[in-house]
C-alpha atoms as a PDB file:
ATOM      1  CA  MET A   1      82.750  42.453  85.628  1.00  0.00           C
ATOM      2  CA  ASN A   2      83.921  43.259  82.062  1.00  0.00           C
ATOM      3  CA  ILE A   3      80.390  44.982  81.514  1.00  0.00           C
ATOM      4  CA  LYS A   4      81.288  47.315  84.417  1.00  0.00           C
ATOM      5  CA  ILE A   5      84.677  48.043  83.075  1.00  0.00           C
ATOM      6  CA  LEU A   6      83.200  48.882  79.661  1.00  0.00           C
ATOM      7  CA  GLY A   7      80.555  50.828  81.180  1.00  0.00           C
ATOM      8  CA  ALA A   8      83.148  53.010  83.004  1.00  0.00           C
ATOM      9  CA  PHE A   9      85.123  53.535  79.825  1.00  0.00           C
ATOM     10  CA  ALA A  10      82.074  54.713  78.047  1.00  0.00           C
ATOM     11  CA  GLY A  11      81.229  57.163  80.776  1.00  0.00           C
ATOM     12  CA  VAL A  12      84.907  58.544  80.738  1.00  0.00           C
ATOM     13  CA  ALA A  13      84.701  58.708  77.060  1.00  0.00           C
ATOM     14  CA  LEU A  14      81.384  60.443  77.127  1.00  0.00           C
ATOM     15  CA  LEU A  15      82.772  62.952  79.721  1.00  0.00           C
ATOM     16  CA  ALA A  16      85.909  63.529  77.468  1.00  0.00           C
ATOM     17  CA  ALA A  17      83.670  64.276  74.536  1.00  0.00           C
ATOM     18  CA  CYS A  18      81.679  66.857  76.573  1.00  0.00           C
ATOM     19  CA  SER A  19      84.770  68.514  77.875  1.00  0.00           C
ATOM     20  CA  SER A  20      86.028  69.160  74.451  1.00  0.00           C
ATOM     21  CA  ALA A  21      83.213  71.236  73.468  1.00  0.00           C
ATOM     22  CA  THR A  22      83.840  74.967  72.948  1.00  0.00           C
ATOM     23  CA  PRO A  23      84.193  76.737  76.218  1.00  0.00           C
ATOM     24  CA  THR A  24      81.756  79.500  77.163  1.00  0.00           C
ATOM     25  CA  PRO A  25      83.501  82.944  77.162  1.00  0.00           C
ATOM     26  CA  ALA A  26      83.785  84.734  80.529  1.00  0.00           C
ATOM     27  CA  PRO A  27      81.724  87.830  80.665  1.00  0.00           C
ATOM     28  CA  ALA A  28      83.443  90.843  79.871  1.00  0.00           C
ATOM     29  CA  ALA A  29      84.624  93.065  82.813  1.00  0.00           C
ATOM     30  CA  ALA A  30      83.123  96.319  83.282  1.00  0.00           C
ATOM     31  CA  VAL A  31      85.006  99.331  81.917  1.00  0.00           C
ATOM     32  CA  SER A  32      85.348 102.226  84.310  1.00  0.00           C
ATOM     33  CA  ALA A  33      84.831 105.466  82.786  1.00  0.00           C
ATOM     34  CA  GLY A  34      86.361 107.392  85.680  1.00  0.00           C
ATOM     35  CA  PRO A  35      85.654 107.945  89.353  1.00  0.00           C
ATOM     36  CA  THR A  36      82.368 107.372  90.688  1.00  0.00           C
ATOM     37  CA  PRO A  37      80.429 110.456  90.632  1.00  0.00           C
ATOM     38  CA  GLY A  38      80.069 112.076  94.067  1.00  0.00           C
ATOM     39  CA  SER A  39      82.858 110.086  95.477  1.00  0.00           C
ATOM     40  CA  GLN A  40      86.204 111.621  96.984  1.00  0.00           C
ATOM     41  CA  GLU A  41      87.946 110.534  93.611  1.00  0.00           C
ATOM     42  CA  ASP A  42      85.581 112.488  91.734  1.00  0.00           C
ATOM     43  CA  LEU A  43      85.985 115.644  93.804  1.00  0.00           C
ATOM     44  CA  VAL A  44      89.849 115.454  93.413  1.00  0.00           C
ATOM     45  CA  ALA A  45      89.665 114.685  89.578  1.00  0.00           C
ATOM     46  CA  ASN A  46      87.036 116.809  88.605  1.00  0.00           C
ATOM     47  CA  VAL A  47      86.864 119.801  91.028  1.00  0.00           C
ATOM     48  CA  GLY A  48      89.984 119.988  93.276  1.00  0.00           C
ATOM     49  CA  ASP A  49      90.288 119.188  96.861  1.00  0.00           C
ATOM     50  CA  ARG A  50      92.632 121.748  98.294  1.00  0.00           C
ATOM     51  CA  ILE A  51      93.392 125.483  98.350  1.00  0.00           C
ATOM     52  CA  PHE A  52      96.573 127.059  99.379  1.00  0.00           C
ATOM     53  CA  PHE A  53      97.414 130.019 101.447  1.00  0.00           C
ATOM     54  CA  ALA A  54     100.287 132.705 101.765  1.00  0.00           C
ATOM     55  CA  PHE A  55     102.637 132.451 104.582  1.00  0.00           C
ATOM     56  CA  ASP A  56     101.211 133.211 107.912  1.00  0.00           C
ATOM     57  CA  LYS A  57      97.732 134.055 106.317  1.00  0.00           C
ATOM     58  CA  SER A  58      94.173 132.673 106.481  1.00  0.00           C
ATOM     59  CA  ALA A  59      92.683 134.675 103.629  1.00  0.00           C
ATOM     60  CA  VAL A  60      91.116 133.058 100.669  1.00  0.00           C
ATOM     61  CA  THR A  61      92.974 133.910  97.673  1.00  0.00           C
ATOM     62  CA  ALA A  62      91.394 134.436  93.955  1.00  0.00           C
ATOM     63  CA  ASP A  63      92.787 131.101  92.844  1.00  0.00           C
ATOM     64  CA  ALA A  64      91.428 129.621  95.877  1.00  0.00           C
ATOM     65  CA  LYS A  65      87.892 131.135  95.196  1.00  0.00           C
ATOM     66  CA  ALA A  66      87.858 129.581  91.734  1.00  0.00           C
ATOM     67  CA  THR A  67      88.474 126.150  93.287  1.00  0.00           C
ATOM     68  CA  LEU A  68      85.914 126.683  96.176  1.00  0.00           C
ATOM     69  CA  ASP A  69      83.357 127.911  93.672  1.00  0.00           C
ATOM     70  CA  LYS A  70      83.741 124.551  92.024  1.00  0.00           C
ATOM     71  CA  GLN A  71      83.416 122.648  95.191  1.00  0.00           C
ATOM     72  CA  ALA A  72      80.197 124.552  96.161  1.00  0.00           C
ATOM     73  CA  THR A  73      78.735 123.629  92.700  1.00  0.00           C
ATOM     74  CA  TRP A  74      79.791 120.084  93.234  1.00  0.00           C
ATOM     75  CA  LEU A  75      78.330 119.949  96.753  1.00  0.00           C
ATOM     76  CA  ALA A  76      74.982 121.416  95.315  1.00  0.00           C
ATOM     77  CA  LYS A  77      75.135 118.303  92.882  1.00  0.00           C
ATOM     78  CA  TYR A  78      75.503 115.873  95.599  1.00  0.00           C
ATOM     79  CA  PRO A  79      73.600 116.976  98.478  1.00  0.00           C
ATOM     80  CA  GLN A  80      73.969 113.624 100.357  1.00  0.00           C
ATOM     81  CA  ASN A  81      77.651 114.330 100.710  1.00  0.00           C
ATOM     82  CA  ASN A  82      79.287 115.781 103.838  1.00  0.00           C
ATOM     83  CA  VAL A  83      82.683 117.011 104.034  1.00  0.00           C
ATOM     84  CA  GLN A  84      85.464 117.771 106.368  1.00  0.00           C
ATOM     85  CA  ILE A  85      87.826 120.562 105.821  1.00  0.00           C
ATOM     86  CA  ALA A  86      91.346 120.012 107.237  1.00  0.00           C
ATOM     87  CA  GLY A  87      93.465 123.205 107.723  1.00  0.00           C
ATOM     88  CA  ASN A  88      97.362 122.604 107.640  1.00  0.00           C
ATOM     89  CA  CYS A  89     100.463 124.703 107.900  1.00  0.00           C
ATOM     90  CA  ASP A  90     104.190 124.571 106.916  1.00  0.00           C
ATOM     91  CA  GLU A  91     106.673 123.449 109.661  1.00  0.00           C
ATOM     92  CA  ARG A  92     107.574 126.778 110.757  1.00  0.00           C
ATOM     93  CA  GLY A  93     106.023 128.336 113.863  1.00  0.00           C
ATOM     94  CA  THR A  94     105.091 126.635 117.334  1.00  0.00           C
ATOM     95  CA  GLU A  95     102.612 123.864 117.559  1.00  0.00           C
ATOM     96  CA  GLU A  96     100.025 125.960 119.238  1.00  0.00           C
ATOM     97  CA  TYR A  97     100.326 128.811 116.685  1.00  0.00           C
ATOM     98  CA  ASN A  98     100.110 126.353 113.794  1.00  0.00           C
ATOM     99  CA  ILE A  99      96.972 124.593 115.109  1.00  0.00           C
ATOM    100  CA  ALA A 100      95.275 127.947 115.477  1.00  0.00           C
ATOM    101  CA  LEU A 101      96.209 129.102 112.043  1.00  0.00           C
ATOM    102  CA  GLY A 102      95.242 125.881 110.509  1.00  0.00           C
ATOM    103  CA  GLN A 103      91.701 126.191 112.250  1.00  0.00           C
ATOM    104  CA  ARG A 104      91.498 129.864 110.803  1.00  0.00           C
ATOM    105  CA  ARG A 105      92.340 128.429 107.233  1.00  0.00           C
ATOM    106  CA  ALA A 106      89.705 125.469 107.693  1.00  0.00           C
ATOM    107  CA  SER A 107      86.986 128.117 108.970  1.00  0.00           C
ATOM    108  CA  ALA A 108      87.821 130.444 106.024  1.00  0.00           C
ATOM    109  CA  ASP A 109      87.268 127.572 103.495  1.00  0.00           C
ATOM    110  CA  ARG A 110      84.074 126.703 105.262  1.00  0.00           C
ATOM    111  CA  ASP A 111      82.873 130.236 105.457  1.00  0.00           C
ATOM    112  CA  TYR A 112      83.202 130.657 101.864  1.00  0.00           C
ATOM    113  CA  LEU A 113      81.356 127.613 100.926  1.00  0.00           C
ATOM    114  CA  VAL A 114      78.538 128.493 103.310  1.00  0.00           C
ATOM    115  CA  ALA A 115      78.367 131.843 101.810  1.00  0.00           C
ATOM    116  CA  ARG A 116      78.117 130.055  98.317  1.00  0.00           C
ATOM    117  CA  GLY A 117      74.919 128.268  99.629  1.00  0.00           C
ATOM    118  CA  VAL A 118      76.387 125.041 101.017  1.00  0.00           C
ATOM    119  CA  ALA A 119      74.628 124.214 104.468  1.00  0.00           C
ATOM    120  CA  ALA A 120      76.931 124.711 107.359  1.00  0.00           C
ATOM    121  CA  SER A 121      75.626 121.365 108.760  1.00  0.00           C
ATOM    122  CA  ARG A 122      77.290 119.466 105.956  1.00  0.00           C
ATOM    123  CA  ILE A 123      80.855 120.805 106.937  1.00  0.00           C
ATOM    124  CA  THR A 124      83.186 119.998 109.749  1.00  0.00           C
ATOM    125  CA  THR A 125      86.595 121.473 110.168  1.00  0.00           C
ATOM    126  CA  ILE A 126      89.883 120.241 111.871  1.00  0.00           C
ATOM    127  CA  SER A 127      93.161 121.619 112.151  1.00  0.00           C
ATOM    128  CA  TYR A 128      96.285 119.644 111.889  1.00  0.00           C
ATOM    129  CA  GLY A 129      98.754 122.475 112.219  1.00  0.00           C
ATOM    130  CA  LYS A 130     102.213 121.128 110.863  1.00  0.00           C
ATOM    131  CA  ASP A 131     101.493 117.422 111.999  1.00  0.00           C
ATOM    132  CA  ARG A 132     100.413 116.388 108.242  1.00  0.00           C
ATOM    133  CA  PRO A 133     102.770 117.795 105.777  1.00  0.00           C
ATOM    134  CA  VAL A 134     101.856 116.760 102.141  1.00  0.00           C
ATOM    135  CA  ALA A 135     105.522 117.812 100.893  1.00  0.00           C
ATOM    136  CA  LEU A 136     108.581 116.971 102.671  1.00  0.00           C
ATOM    137  CA  GLY A 137     111.504 119.456 102.760  1.00  0.00           C
ATOM    138  CA  SER A 138     112.541 122.512 104.496  1.00  0.00           C
ATOM    139  CA  ASN A 139     112.253 124.995 101.516  1.00  0.00           C
ATOM    140  CA  GLU A 140     109.696 127.285 100.031  1.00  0.00           C
ATOM    141  CA  GLN A 141     108.453 124.973  97.588  1.00  0.00           C
ATOM    142  CA  ALA A 142     107.452 122.441 100.234  1.00  0.00           C
ATOM    143  CA  TRP A 143     106.281 124.931 102.534  1.00  0.00           C
ATOM    144  CA  ALA A 144     103.993 126.439  99.913  1.00  0.00           C
ATOM    145  CA  GLN A 145     102.478 122.879  99.197  1.00  0.00           C
ATOM    146  CA  ASN A 146     101.803 122.430 103.198  1.00  0.00           C
ATOM    147  CA  ARG A 147     100.000 125.650 103.646  1.00  0.00           C
ATOM    148  CA  ASN A 148      96.638 124.511 102.505  1.00  0.00           C
ATOM    149  CA  ALA A 149      93.074 123.357 103.342  1.00  0.00           C
ATOM    150  CA  ILE A 150      92.043 119.915 102.162  1.00  0.00           C
ATOM    151  CA  THR A 151      88.392 118.966 101.545  1.00  0.00           C
ATOM    152  CA  SER A 152      87.459 115.229 102.141  1.00  0.00           C
ATOM    153  CA  VAL A 153      84.119 113.645 101.595  1.00  0.00           C
ATOM    154  CA  LYS A 154      82.810 112.094 104.787  1.00  0.00           C
END
């Protein structure tokens, strides 16, 4: 019986000695250098995902063309990506009018990208009218932010 107890103590002492060894360091976590290339986050951070429109207009402005040119280049670099363009409006106007205006804005965005070489089959459009504001408020600053077309990777 004493031999069994001594054996148990020897085993515990051996385990204790092994556990006091220097612990193995955990592997270092991978450091992210930014958004994943070709992702929605990459589009937003490095290209821009939205263009803006004047009140009651669907014409692509010079500022918007600069962003859309970058989007066309980005889409050429990532041919596996398809996108959806959502046309949006400010809160003024009827629901029906804003749905139609949002669709004209999304279509103008799509047409510009197609003219720059992006295959039409890679682009879908949708209009949210005034249902998805990005800025809250009933003033020109908020309205200007809500008159947009937003490109999303699908």
